[in-house]
């Protein structure tokens, strides 16, 4: 099936691929300059690229809500939490396993990690295959800084309010964690940024995107044999 599921008819879906890709993101604040769905946009773009490059990988619609409780102090953030996300993914895998041997979640939000780990453990116990691929930029900043700003300048420049970009908390994440766990992101960064968007560019975003897509394609190639 060459079309994403959202564009396919049921006869076109009668011959599914060997894996189903499902992007997972969040709807949460990303500073004063990036859209609330930044994580979902990035995960969706990486998954769509892999779908086009690997015909055996079908593409499902994104899971737009994640576990984002640490951002609850900012308007616009909507979070379903770890327990609900775990259950949603498990039920999705249970149903998808009727047609696809494996489901691959392409995760763009760090807050989803616990839920996806728990879901993978339960699915494995039930004899179903859930693979989780986390999008990780080595050396990147934590949230709404140069890394994500560059990626969005490459993927969706019209969505970036670059004139509003400003520096946030730049201390190493481990140093911020005690206050962050106690009071959420707003306790350590009033503008919601963990990093500094200065220097972000579309060219850098293109390089980062290439690395993210290469990593996913390598993972799929291992899975597809």
Foldseek 3Di string as FASTA:
>chain_A
DLDAPVPDDVVVPPQAAQEEEEEEEAQADFFPWFHRQLLRLLSQVLLVVLCNVDVRYHYYYYHYHAAAVLRVVDPGGDHPHLVVLLVVVLVVQVVCVVRHQAYEYEYRDPSNVVSLVNNQVVCVVVVGHYHYHYQDDVPDFDGNAQQSVLLCCQRPVVRTPPVRFAAWAADPPVVCVVQSVVRGQCSRTVRSHHYHNPPHHPVVSVVSSVVRSVVVNVVVVVVVD
